[in-house]
Amino acid sequence: MVSKETSYMTERQAAAFTSLSVHKFRQDRFHCRGIPYVKLGRAVRYSVDDLRAYMAAHRITPDNESD
């Protein structure tokens, strides 16, 4: 069986990756919403796969309607 290794980012790296603030990530965790995360003691990590999935799920594609 082949296992796929998952990469993780710190909250600062995740904030830079998504162009969101660290404060936004902290508020989302406090309110139990937003991107899934992993707690390792006091350290918080975000899966790159989860970050990409979250961004894809919130993608908006405008209709190509002409006037």
Protein backbone atom coordinates (compact mmCIF):
# COMPACT_ATOMS: atom_id res chain seq x y z
CA MET A 1 0.00 0.00 0.00
CA VAL A 2 1.38 3.40 -1.00
CA SER A 3 0.82 6.21 1.48
CA LYS A 4 0.55 9.82 0.45
CA GLU A 5 2.54 12.13 2.71
CA THR A 6 0.67 15.27 3.74
CA SER A 7 2.47 18.60 4.06
CA TYR A 8 1.58 20.99 6.85
CA MET A 9 2.01 24.74 7.36
CA THR A 10 2.13 26.97 10.41
CA GLU A 11 -0.66 29.51 10.80
CA ARG A 12 1.65 32.24 9.46
CA GLN A 13 2.52 30.18 6.40
CA ALA A 14 -1.17 29.35 5.88
CA ALA A 15 -2.09 33.03 6.19
CA ALA A 16 0.49 33.97 3.56
CA PHE A 17 -0.63 31.10 1.31
CA THR A 18 -4.28 32.23 1.40
CA SER A 19 -3.63 35.99 1.64
CA LEU A 20 -5.66 36.07 4.86
CA SER A 21 -4.49 37.44 8.20
CA VAL A 22 -3.20 35.37 11.10
CA HIS A 23 -5.93 37.09 13.15
CA LYS A 24 -8.59 35.65 10.79
CA PHE A 25 -7.22 32.13 11.34
CA ARG A 26 -7.22 32.63 15.12
CA GLN A 27 -10.76 34.00 15.13
CA ASP A 28 -11.98 31.09 13.00
CA ARG A 29 -10.41 28.58 15.41
CA PHE A 30 -11.92 30.38 18.42
CA HIS A 31 -15.39 30.25 16.80
CA CYS A 32 -14.93 26.62 15.57
CA ARG A 33 -15.24 27.53 11.89
CA GLY A 34 -13.02 27.89 8.85
CA ILE A 35 -10.24 25.63 7.66
CA PRO A 36 -9.62 22.34 9.50
CA TYR A 37 -6.42 22.28 11.57
CA VAL A 38 -4.26 20.02 13.72
CA LYS A 39 -3.18 20.85 17.28
CA LEU A 40 0.14 19.44 18.47
CA GLY A 41 0.46 20.69 22.01
CA ARG A 42 0.32 24.47 21.57
CA ALA A 43 1.35 24.31 17.91
CA VAL A 44 -1.30 24.67 15.20
CA ARG A 45 -0.79 23.22 11.73
CA TYR A 46 -2.84 23.40 8.53
CA SER A 47 -2.76 20.72 5.85
CA VAL A 48 -1.82 22.06 2.41
CA ASP A 49 -4.52 19.78 0.95
CA ASP A 50 -7.15 21.30 3.30
CA LEU A 51 -6.05 24.83 2.41
CA ARG A 52 -6.34 24.09 -1.32
CA ALA A 53 -9.72 22.39 -0.86
CA TYR A 54 -11.02 25.36 1.16
CA MET A 55 -9.87 27.80 -1.51
CA ALA A 56 -11.45 25.68 -4.27
CA ALA A 57 -14.74 25.40 -2.34
CA HIS A 58 -14.92 29.19 -2.05
CA ARG A 59 -14.09 29.89 -5.68
CA ILE A 60 -16.58 32.13 -7.45
CA THR A 61 -16.86 31.96 -11.21
CA PRO A 62 -18.91 34.85 -12.62
CA ASP A 63 -21.38 34.07 -15.37
CA ASN A 64 -20.34 35.24 -18.81
CA GLU A 65 -23.54 37.12 -19.54
CA SER A 66 -23.46 39.91 -22.09
CA ASP A 67 -25.59 43.03 -21.70
